């Protein structure tokens, strides 16, 4: 399976659009035995023109997530701020104190068909925190031994998304006067 991830890492560097990246992430997610992925900055993407969100989560999940303003409150996002390596969602209780609201969010995700998952944090100085998550449906157990592969996929996918955003939102060159 490492060979498949190696191909993904090489290919993702040449992708030009978020749609292409989404297609590539969907394919590698399936190949690694997961159903869903979400690559996102932990910001309100409705109000941030430079915020990243690419996902294939079930219909209605992102809309509910946004309506509840969970971009910084989501327990997975909060836990990802505490580590530089990926983690299984089953480890959340050891990483953060889960509140009743957190448990409701996780239950709501399960009701949408999003069961256990694995999240790769993305911390770039001077930017909003982000992550790339992989999840299965309720009947999809997490795959043993996939963590290092998911770490690579998540990190390289997030960097590709950042590169694409820099291209779209690059500041205009500074022009100096003779003065």
N, C-alpha and C. Protein backbone atom coordinates (compact mmCIF):
# COMPACT_ATOMS: atom_id res chain seq x y z
N UNK A 1 0.83 -1.20 0.00
CA UNK A 1 0.00 0.00 0.00
C UNK A 1 0.87 1.26 0.00
N UNK A 2 2.10 1.14 0.50
CA UNK A 2 2.98 2.31 0.48
C UNK A 2 3.21 2.78 -0.95
N UNK A 3 3.32 1.86 -1.89
CA UNK A 3 3.52 2.25 -3.29
C UNK A 3 2.37 3.12 -3.79
N UNK A 4 1.15 2.78 -3.38
CA UNK A 4 -0.02 3.57 -3.80
C UNK A 4 0.05 4.97 -3.21
N UNK A 5 0.46 5.08 -1.94
CA UNK A 5 0.59 6.39 -1.29
C UNK A 5 1.72 7.18 -1.96
N UNK A 6 2.80 6.52 -2.31
CA UNK A 6 3.90 7.18 -2.99
C UNK A 6 3.43 7.79 -4.32
N UNK A 7 2.62 7.06 -5.06
CA UNK A 7 2.06 7.58 -6.32
C UNK A 7 1.19 8.81 -6.03
N UNK A 8 0.35 8.73 -5.00
CA UNK A 8 -0.50 9.86 -4.63
C UNK A 8 0.35 11.09 -4.31
N UNK A 9 1.38 10.92 -3.50
CA UNK A 9 2.23 12.05 -3.10
C UNK A 9 2.87 12.69 -4.32
N UNK A 10 3.36 11.90 -5.25
CA UNK A 10 3.97 12.45 -6.45
C UNK A 10 2.94 13.15 -7.34
N UNK A 11 1.76 12.55 -7.49
CA UNK A 11 0.73 13.13 -8.36
C UNK A 11 0.14 14.41 -7.78
N UNK A 12 -0.06 14.45 -6.48
CA UNK A 12 -0.75 15.59 -5.87
C UNK A 12 0.06 16.88 -6.03
N UNK A 13 1.34 16.75 -6.17
CA UNK A 13 2.19 17.94 -6.35
C UNK A 13 1.90 18.66 -7.66
N UNK A 14 1.38 17.95 -8.64
CA UNK A 14 1.10 18.56 -9.93
C UNK A 14 -0.34 18.95 -10.15
N UNK A 15 -1.21 18.67 -9.20
CA UNK A 15 -2.62 19.02 -9.37
C UNK A 15 -2.80 20.53 -9.34
N UNK A 16 -3.78 21.01 -10.11
CA UNK A 16 -3.98 22.46 -10.23
C UNK A 16 -5.24 22.98 -9.54
N UNK A 17 -6.25 22.12 -9.36
CA UNK A 17 -7.51 22.62 -8.82
C UNK A 17 -7.94 21.83 -7.59
N UNK A 18 -8.77 22.45 -6.80
CA UNK A 18 -9.31 21.78 -5.62
C UNK A 18 -10.20 20.60 -6.03
N UNK A 19 -10.87 20.70 -7.16
CA UNK A 19 -11.69 19.58 -7.65
C UNK A 19 -10.80 18.38 -7.96
N UNK A 20 -9.66 18.61 -8.60
CA UNK A 20 -8.72 17.52 -8.87
C UNK A 20 -8.20 16.91 -7.57
N UNK A 21 -7.89 17.77 -6.61
CA UNK A 21 -7.42 17.29 -5.31
C UNK A 21 -8.51 16.48 -4.61
N UNK A 22 -9.75 16.94 -4.68
CA UNK A 22 -10.86 16.20 -4.09
C UNK A 22 -11.02 14.82 -4.71
N UNK A 23 -10.90 14.75 -6.02
CA UNK A 23 -10.99 13.45 -6.71
C UNK A 23 -9.84 12.53 -6.29
N UNK A 24 -8.64 13.08 -6.20
CA UNK A 24 -7.48 12.28 -5.81
C UNK A 24 -7.62 11.81 -4.36
N UNK A 25 -8.11 12.68 -3.49
CA UNK A 25 -8.32 12.30 -2.09
C UNK A 25 -9.40 11.23 -1.96
N UNK A 26 -10.46 11.36 -2.73
CA UNK A 26 -11.53 10.35 -2.68
C UNK A 26 -10.98 8.98 -3.09
N UNK A 27 -10.14 8.96 -4.12
CA UNK A 27 -9.59 7.68 -4.59
C UNK A 27 -8.64 7.06 -3.58
N UNK A 28 -7.72 7.86 -3.02
CA UNK A 28 -6.77 7.30 -2.06
C UNK A 28 -7.47 6.92 -0.76
N UNK A 29 -8.51 7.67 -0.40
CA UNK A 29 -9.28 7.34 0.80
C UNK A 29 -9.91 5.96 0.65
N UNK A 30 -10.53 5.71 -0.51
CA UNK A 30 -11.11 4.39 -0.78
C UNK A 30 -10.04 3.30 -0.78
N UNK A 31 -8.91 3.60 -1.43
CA UNK A 31 -7.84 2.61 -1.53
C UNK A 31 -7.28 2.24 -0.16
N UNK A 32 -7.32 3.18 0.77
CA UNK A 32 -6.81 2.92 2.13
C UNK A 32 -7.88 2.30 3.03
N UNK A 33 -9.08 2.09 2.48
CA UNK A 33 -10.12 1.41 3.23
C UNK A 33 -11.06 2.30 4.00
N UNK A 34 -11.09 3.59 3.67
CA UNK A 34 -12.00 4.53 4.33
C UNK A 34 -13.04 5.01 3.33
N UNK A 35 -14.07 5.64 3.82
CA UNK A 35 -15.14 6.10 2.95
C UNK A 35 -15.10 7.62 2.75
N UNK A 36 -14.79 8.35 3.80
CA UNK A 36 -14.89 9.82 3.76
C UNK A 36 -13.56 10.48 4.07
N UNK A 37 -13.43 11.71 3.55
CA UNK A 37 -12.29 12.56 3.91
C UNK A 37 -12.79 13.98 4.07
N UNK A 38 -12.07 14.77 4.86
CA UNK A 38 -12.34 16.20 5.00
C UNK A 38 -11.01 16.90 5.23
N UNK A 39 -10.65 17.78 4.32
CA UNK A 39 -9.46 18.59 4.43
C UNK A 39 -9.94 20.02 4.66
N UNK A 40 -9.58 20.60 5.80
CA UNK A 40 -10.17 21.89 6.14
C UNK A 40 -9.30 22.73 7.06
N UNK A 41 -9.41 24.04 6.88
CA UNK A 41 -8.91 24.96 7.90
C UNK A 41 -9.96 25.00 9.00
N UNK A 42 -9.55 25.24 10.21
CA UNK A 42 -10.49 25.31 11.33
C UNK A 42 -10.96 26.75 11.51
N UNK A 43 -11.64 27.24 10.50
CA UNK A 43 -12.21 28.58 10.48
C UNK A 43 -13.62 28.49 9.90
N UNK A 44 -14.38 29.53 10.06
CA UNK A 44 -15.70 29.58 9.44
C UNK A 44 -15.48 29.84 7.95
N UNK A 45 -15.51 28.78 7.15
CA UNK A 45 -15.20 28.92 5.72
C UNK A 45 -16.24 29.76 4.99
N UNK A 46 -17.40 29.96 5.58
CA UNK A 46 -18.41 30.82 4.95
C UNK A 46 -17.97 32.27 5.00
N UNK A 47 -17.14 32.63 5.97
CA UNK A 47 -16.72 34.02 6.14
C UNK A 47 -15.24 34.25 5.80
N UNK A 48 -14.53 33.21 5.47
CA UNK A 48 -13.10 33.32 5.17
C UNK A 48 -12.86 32.95 3.72
N UNK A 49 -12.47 33.94 2.94
CA UNK A 49 -12.24 33.67 1.52
C UNK A 49 -11.02 32.80 1.29
N UNK A 50 -10.11 32.74 2.25
CA UNK A 50 -8.90 31.94 2.05
C UNK A 50 -8.96 30.62 2.81
N UNK A 51 -10.05 30.36 3.52
CA UNK A 51 -10.18 29.10 4.24
C UNK A 51 -10.38 27.93 3.28
N UNK A 52 -9.78 26.80 3.62
CA UNK A 52 -9.84 25.61 2.78
C UNK A 52 -10.89 24.65 3.34
N UNK A 53 -11.70 24.08 2.48
CA UNK A 53 -12.56 22.95 2.84
C UNK A 53 -12.84 22.14 1.59
N UNK A 54 -12.34 20.92 1.60
CA UNK A 54 -12.59 19.96 0.53
C UNK A 54 -13.00 18.68 1.23
N UNK A 55 -14.16 18.13 0.90
CA UNK A 55 -14.61 16.93 1.61
C UNK A 55 -15.59 16.14 0.75
N UNK A 56 -15.82 14.92 1.19
CA UNK A 56 -16.87 14.11 0.57
C UNK A 56 -17.78 13.53 1.65
N UNK A 57 -17.94 14.26 2.76
CA UNK A 57 -18.81 13.81 3.84
C UNK A 57 -20.25 13.72 3.34
N UNK A 58 -21.08 12.98 4.03
CA UNK A 58 -22.48 12.82 3.59
C UNK A 58 -23.21 14.16 3.47
N UNK A 59 -24.19 14.17 2.56
CA UNK A 59 -25.02 15.36 2.37
C UNK A 59 -25.59 15.82 3.70
N UNK A 60 -25.55 17.12 3.91
CA UNK A 60 -26.14 17.71 5.11
C UNK A 60 -25.17 17.90 6.26
N UNK A 61 -24.08 17.13 6.30
CA UNK A 61 -23.16 17.25 7.44
C UNK A 61 -22.49 18.62 7.48
N UNK A 62 -21.89 19.06 6.39
CA UNK A 62 -21.18 20.34 6.39
C UNK A 62 -22.14 21.49 6.67
N UNK A 63 -23.35 21.42 6.14
CA UNK A 63 -24.32 22.49 6.38
C UNK A 63 -24.68 22.56 7.87
N UNK A 64 -24.93 21.41 8.50
CA UNK A 64 -25.24 21.39 9.93
C UNK A 64 -24.04 21.88 10.73
N UNK A 65 -22.86 21.42 10.36
CA UNK A 65 -21.61 21.82 11.03
C UNK A 65 -21.46 23.34 11.00
N UNK A 66 -21.70 23.94 9.84
CA UNK A 66 -21.60 25.39 9.70
C UNK A 66 -22.69 26.12 10.48
N UNK A 67 -23.91 25.61 10.42
CA UNK A 67 -25.02 26.23 11.16
C UNK A 67 -24.74 26.27 12.65
N UNK A 68 -24.03 25.25 13.14
CA UNK A 68 -23.71 25.17 14.57
C UNK A 68 -22.42 25.92 14.91
N UNK A 69 -21.75 26.50 13.92
CA UNK A 69 -20.48 27.22 14.11
C UNK A 69 -19.45 26.36 14.84
N UNK A 70 -19.22 25.17 14.32
CA UNK A 70 -18.35 24.21 15.01
C UNK A 70 -16.90 24.21 14.53
N UNK A 71 -16.53 25.13 13.66
CA UNK A 71 -15.18 25.07 13.07
C UNK A 71 -14.07 25.08 14.12
N UNK A 72 -14.26 25.80 15.23
CA UNK A 72 -13.24 25.80 16.28
C UNK A 72 -13.68 25.01 17.51
N UNK A 73 -14.96 24.65 17.58
CA UNK A 73 -15.49 23.95 18.76
C UNK A 73 -15.54 22.44 18.60
N UNK A 74 -15.44 21.95 17.38
CA UNK A 74 -15.52 20.52 17.12
C UNK A 74 -14.44 19.80 17.94
N UNK A 75 -14.80 18.70 18.61
CA UNK A 75 -13.80 18.02 19.46
C UNK A 75 -12.60 17.49 18.68
N UNK A 76 -12.82 17.04 17.45
CA UNK A 76 -11.70 16.56 16.64
C UNK A 76 -10.77 17.72 16.31
N UNK A 77 -11.32 18.86 15.95
CA UNK A 77 -10.50 20.03 15.64
C UNK A 77 -9.74 20.48 16.89
N UNK A 78 -10.40 20.51 18.03
CA UNK A 78 -9.73 20.93 19.28
C UNK A 78 -8.58 19.98 19.61
N UNK A 79 -8.81 18.69 19.48
CA UNK A 79 -7.75 17.72 19.79
C UNK A 79 -6.59 17.86 18.82
N UNK A 80 -6.87 18.20 17.58
CA UNK A 80 -5.79 18.30 16.59
C UNK A 80 -4.85 19.47 16.90
N UNK A 81 -5.30 20.40 17.71
CA UNK A 81 -4.44 21.52 18.11
C UNK A 81 -3.42 21.11 19.17
N UNK A 82 -3.52 19.89 19.68
CA UNK A 82 -2.67 19.45 20.77
C UNK A 82 -1.57 18.49 20.35
N UNK A 83 -1.48 18.20 19.06
CA UNK A 83 -0.51 17.22 18.59
C UNK A 83 -0.03 17.57 17.19
N UNK A 84 1.12 17.05 16.84
CA UNK A 84 1.64 17.28 15.49
C UNK A 84 1.53 16.03 14.63
N UNK A 85 1.01 14.94 15.20
CA UNK A 85 0.85 13.71 14.43
C UNK A 85 -0.61 13.27 14.47
N UNK A 86 -0.97 12.44 13.52
CA UNK A 86 -2.34 11.98 13.40
C UNK A 86 -2.79 11.13 14.59
N UNK A 87 -4.11 11.07 14.75
CA UNK A 87 -4.69 10.32 15.87
C UNK A 87 -6.04 9.75 15.47
N UNK A 88 -6.36 8.63 16.07
CA UNK A 88 -7.68 8.02 15.89
C UNK A 88 -8.68 8.76 16.77
N UNK A 89 -9.89 8.92 16.27
CA UNK A 89 -10.91 9.61 17.05
C UNK A 89 -11.24 8.86 18.33
N UNK A 90 -10.99 7.57 18.35
CA UNK A 90 -11.23 6.80 19.58
C UNK A 90 -10.32 7.25 20.71
N UNK A 91 -9.24 7.99 20.38
CA UNK A 91 -8.32 8.51 21.39
C UNK A 91 -8.76 9.86 21.95
N UNK A 92 -9.84 10.42 21.44
CA UNK A 92 -10.28 11.75 21.89
C UNK A 92 -10.42 11.86 23.41
N UNK A 93 -11.03 10.88 24.09
CA UNK A 93 -11.17 11.03 25.55
C UNK A 93 -9.84 11.11 26.29
N UNK A 94 -8.77 10.58 25.73
CA UNK A 94 -7.46 10.69 26.35
C UNK A 94 -6.76 12.00 25.99
N UNK A 95 -7.24 12.68 24.96
CA UNK A 95 -6.60 13.90 24.49
C UNK A 95 -7.25 15.16 25.05
N UNK A 96 -8.57 15.16 25.14
CA UNK A 96 -9.31 16.33 25.63
C UNK A 96 -10.43 15.85 26.56
N UNK A 97 -10.87 16.75 27.40
CA UNK A 97 -12.03 16.45 28.24
C UNK A 97 -13.27 16.64 27.38
N UNK A 98 -13.95 15.54 27.08
CA UNK A 98 -15.15 15.62 26.24
C UNK A 98 -16.33 16.14 27.05
N UNK A 99 -16.99 17.15 26.50
CA UNK A 99 -18.17 17.72 27.14
C UNK A 99 -19.41 16.99 26.63
N UNK A 100 -20.54 17.30 27.23
CA UNK A 100 -21.81 16.74 26.74
C UNK A 100 -22.05 17.20 25.31
N UNK A 101 -21.72 18.45 25.00
CA UNK A 101 -21.87 18.94 23.62
C UNK A 101 -20.97 18.17 22.66
N UNK A 102 -19.73 17.87 23.08
CA UNK A 102 -18.83 17.09 22.24
C UNK A 102 -19.42 15.72 21.93
N UNK A 103 -19.96 15.09 22.94
CA UNK A 103 -20.56 13.76 22.74
C UNK A 103 -21.75 13.84 21.78
N UNK A 104 -22.52 14.93 21.86
CA UNK A 104 -23.64 15.11 20.95
C UNK A 104 -23.16 15.31 19.51
N UNK A 105 -22.06 16.05 19.35
CA UNK A 105 -21.50 16.26 18.01
C UNK A 105 -21.05 14.93 17.42
N UNK A 106 -20.35 14.13 18.21
CA UNK A 106 -19.88 12.83 17.73
C UNK A 106 -21.05 11.89 17.43
N UNK A 107 -22.08 11.96 18.24
CA UNK A 107 -23.27 11.14 17.99
C UNK A 107 -23.98 11.60 16.72
N UNK A 108 -24.07 12.90 16.54
CA UNK A 108 -24.69 13.44 15.33
C UNK A 108 -23.92 13.00 14.09
N UNK A 109 -22.58 12.99 14.18
CA UNK A 109 -21.76 12.51 13.07
C UNK A 109 -22.09 11.05 12.77
N UNK A 110 -22.19 10.22 13.81
CA UNK A 110 -22.54 8.81 13.59
C UNK A 110 -23.91 8.69 12.93
N UNK A 111 -24.84 9.54 13.34
CA UNK A 111 -26.18 9.53 12.73
C UNK A 111 -26.15 9.93 11.26
N UNK A 112 -25.15 10.71 10.87
CA UNK A 112 -24.96 11.08 9.46
C UNK A 112 -24.17 10.02 8.71
N UNK A 113 -23.73 8.97 9.41
CA UNK A 113 -22.98 7.91 8.77
C UNK A 113 -21.49 8.02 8.92
N UNK A 114 -21.01 8.98 9.71
CA UNK A 114 -19.58 9.18 9.93
C UNK A 114 -19.22 8.56 11.27
N UNK A 115 -18.52 7.43 11.24
CA UNK A 115 -18.18 6.73 12.48
C UNK A 115 -16.78 7.13 12.92
N UNK A 116 -15.97 6.17 13.28
CA UNK A 116 -14.63 6.46 13.76
C UNK A 116 -13.76 6.96 12.61
N UNK A 117 -12.73 7.70 12.97
CA UNK A 117 -11.86 8.26 11.95
C UNK A 117 -10.46 8.46 12.44
N UNK A 118 -9.68 9.08 11.60
CA UNK A 118 -8.27 9.38 11.87
C UNK A 118 -8.01 10.78 11.33
N UNK A 119 -7.40 11.64 12.14
CA UNK A 119 -7.16 13.03 11.75
C UNK A 119 -5.68 13.35 11.78
N UNK A 120 -5.22 14.00 10.71
CA UNK A 120 -3.84 14.47 10.59
C UNK A 120 -3.86 15.98 10.77
N UNK A 121 -3.27 16.50 11.85
CA UNK A 121 -3.25 17.95 12.06
C UNK A 121 -2.36 18.66 11.04
N UNK A 122 -2.68 19.92 10.78
CA UNK A 122 -1.86 20.76 9.90
C UNK A 122 -1.63 22.08 10.61
N UNK A 123 -0.40 22.29 11.04
CA UNK A 123 -0.04 23.51 11.76
C UNK A 123 1.03 24.25 10.96
N UNK A 124 0.67 25.39 10.42
CA UNK A 124 1.61 26.22 9.67
C UNK A 124 1.67 27.56 10.38
N UNK A 125 2.85 27.96 10.87
CA UNK A 125 2.95 29.24 11.59
C UNK A 125 2.36 30.39 10.78
N UNK A 126 1.57 31.21 11.43
CA UNK A 126 0.96 32.36 10.79
C UNK A 126 -0.34 32.08 10.08
N UNK A 127 -0.77 30.82 10.06
CA UNK A 127 -2.03 30.46 9.40
C UNK A 127 -2.97 29.81 10.40
N UNK A 128 -4.23 29.77 10.02
CA UNK A 128 -5.21 29.06 10.83
C UNK A 128 -4.84 27.58 10.88
N UNK A 129 -5.13 26.95 12.00
CA UNK A 129 -4.92 25.51 12.11
C UNK A 129 -5.84 24.81 11.11
N UNK A 130 -5.46 23.61 10.76
CA UNK A 130 -6.27 22.82 9.85
C UNK A 130 -6.04 21.34 10.10
N UNK A 131 -6.67 20.53 9.28
CA UNK A 131 -6.50 19.08 9.41
C UNK A 131 -7.02 18.39 8.16
N UNK A 132 -6.62 17.14 8.05
CA UNK A 132 -7.15 16.26 7.02
C UNK A 132 -7.62 15.00 7.75
N UNK A 133 -8.91 14.74 7.69
CA UNK A 133 -9.49 13.60 8.40
C UNK A 133 -9.97 12.54 7.41
N UNK A 134 -9.91 11.31 7.87
CA UNK A 134 -10.39 10.16 7.12
C UNK A 134 -11.35 9.41 8.03
N UNK A 135 -12.50 9.02 7.51
CA UNK A 135 -13.48 8.36 8.37
C UNK A 135 -14.18 7.24 7.63
N UNK A 136 -14.68 6.33 8.41
CA UNK A 136 -15.46 5.24 7.86
C UNK A 136 -16.91 5.39 8.27
N UNK A 137 -17.74 4.62 7.66
CA UNK A 137 -19.15 4.56 8.06
C UNK A 137 -19.24 3.65 9.29
N UNK A 138 -20.42 3.57 9.85
CA UNK A 138 -20.61 2.80 11.07
C UNK A 138 -20.16 1.35 10.93
N UNK A 139 -20.30 0.79 9.75
CA UNK A 139 -19.93 -0.61 9.54
C UNK A 139 -18.51 -0.79 9.02
N UNK A 140 -17.71 0.30 9.00
CA UNK A 140 -16.33 0.25 8.52
C UNK A 140 -15.36 0.37 9.69
N UNK A 141 -14.73 -0.72 10.13
CA UNK A 141 -13.75 -0.59 11.21
C UNK A 141 -12.49 0.12 10.71
N UNK A 142 -11.80 0.84 11.62
CA UNK A 142 -10.54 1.46 11.24
C UNK A 142 -9.54 0.38 10.84
N UNK A 143 -8.71 0.72 9.90
CA UNK A 143 -7.74 -0.25 9.38
C UNK A 143 -6.47 -0.23 10.22
N UNK A 144 -6.05 -1.39 10.72
CA UNK A 144 -4.81 -1.49 11.48
C UNK A 144 -3.62 -1.15 10.59
N UNK A 145 -2.67 -0.43 11.15
CA UNK A 145 -1.45 -0.12 10.43
C UNK A 145 -1.54 0.99 9.41
N UNK A 146 -2.68 1.64 9.31
CA UNK A 146 -2.85 2.68 8.28
C UNK A 146 -2.33 4.04 8.72
N UNK A 147 -2.08 4.23 10.01
CA UNK A 147 -1.72 5.56 10.52
C UNK A 147 -0.55 6.21 9.77
N UNK A 148 0.56 5.53 9.55
CA UNK A 148 1.66 6.20 8.84
C UNK A 148 1.28 6.60 7.41
N UNK A 149 0.49 5.78 6.75
CA UNK A 149 0.07 6.10 5.39
C UNK A 149 -0.89 7.29 5.38
N UNK A 150 -1.82 7.30 6.32
CA UNK A 150 -2.76 8.42 6.42
C UNK A 150 -2.02 9.71 6.76
N UNK A 151 -1.01 9.62 7.61
CA UNK A 151 -0.21 10.79 7.96
C UNK A 151 0.41 11.40 6.70
N UNK A 152 1.00 10.57 5.86
CA UNK A 152 1.60 11.06 4.62
C UNK A 152 0.57 11.66 3.69
N UNK A 153 -0.52 10.95 3.48
CA UNK A 153 -1.57 11.44 2.58
C UNK A 153 -2.11 12.77 3.08
N UNK A 154 -2.45 12.84 4.36
CA UNK A 154 -3.02 14.07 4.91
C UNK A 154 -2.08 15.26 4.81
N UNK A 155 -0.82 15.05 5.15
CA UNK A 155 0.15 16.15 5.11
C UNK A 155 0.36 16.66 3.68
N UNK A 156 0.55 15.75 2.74
CA UNK A 156 0.80 16.19 1.37
C UNK A 156 -0.45 16.76 0.71
N UNK A 157 -1.61 16.24 1.05
CA UNK A 157 -2.86 16.80 0.52
C UNK A 157 -3.08 18.21 1.04
N UNK A 158 -2.85 18.42 2.34
CA UNK A 158 -3.05 19.75 2.91
C UNK A 158 -2.09 20.74 2.26
N UNK A 159 -0.86 20.33 2.06
CA UNK A 159 0.11 21.24 1.43
C UNK A 159 -0.30 21.56 0.00
N UNK A 160 -0.84 20.59 -0.72
CA UNK A 160 -1.30 20.85 -2.08
C UNK A 160 -2.44 21.87 -2.06
N UNK A 161 -3.36 21.73 -1.11
CA UNK A 161 -4.47 22.69 -1.01
C UNK A 161 -3.96 24.09 -0.68
N UNK A 162 -2.97 24.17 0.19
CA UNK A 162 -2.38 25.48 0.52
C UNK A 162 -1.75 26.11 -0.72
N UNK A 163 -1.03 25.31 -1.49
CA UNK A 163 -0.40 25.80 -2.72
C UNK A 163 -1.45 26.35 -3.68
N UNK A 164 -2.55 25.63 -3.81
CA UNK A 164 -3.63 26.08 -4.70
C UNK A 164 -4.23 27.39 -4.21
N UNK A 165 -4.43 27.49 -2.92
CA UNK A 165 -4.99 28.73 -2.36
C UNK A 165 -4.03 29.90 -2.52
N UNK A 166 -2.75 29.66 -2.32
CA UNK A 166 -1.77 30.75 -2.50
C UNK A 166 -1.84 31.27 -3.92
N UNK A 167 -2.03 30.38 -4.88
CA UNK A 167 -2.14 30.80 -6.27
C UNK A 167 -3.37 31.65 -6.53
N UNK A 168 -4.46 31.33 -5.84
CA UNK A 168 -5.71 32.09 -6.04
C UNK A 168 -5.74 33.38 -5.25
N UNK A 169 -5.06 33.40 -4.10
CA UNK A 169 -5.15 34.56 -3.22
C UNK A 169 -3.78 35.21 -3.00
N UNK A 170 -2.91 35.09 -3.97
CA UNK A 170 -1.57 35.68 -3.84
C UNK A 170 -1.69 37.20 -3.81
N UNK A 171 -0.98 37.82 -2.88
CA UNK A 171 -1.04 39.28 -2.83
C UNK A 171 -0.39 39.89 -4.06
N UNK A 172 -0.88 41.04 -4.44
CA UNK A 172 -0.29 41.75 -5.57
C UNK A 172 1.13 42.15 -5.20
N UNK A 173 2.03 42.20 -6.18
CA UNK A 173 3.40 42.60 -5.86
C UNK A 173 3.43 44.03 -5.33
N UNK A 174 4.30 44.24 -4.40
CA UNK A 174 4.46 45.58 -3.82
C UNK A 174 5.22 46.44 -4.81
N UNK A 175 4.68 47.62 -5.07
CA UNK A 175 5.36 48.55 -5.98
C UNK A 175 5.88 49.72 -5.18
N UNK A 176 7.14 49.95 -5.32
CA UNK A 176 7.79 51.06 -4.61
C UNK A 176 7.90 52.26 -5.54
N UNK A 177 7.73 53.41 -4.98
CA UNK A 177 7.92 54.63 -5.76
C UNK A 177 9.40 54.98 -5.73
N UNK A 178 9.81 55.94 -6.56
CA UNK A 178 11.20 56.39 -6.56
C UNK A 178 11.58 56.96 -5.21
N UNK A 179 10.62 57.47 -4.53
CA UNK A 179 10.86 58.09 -3.24
C UNK A 179 11.24 57.02 -2.28
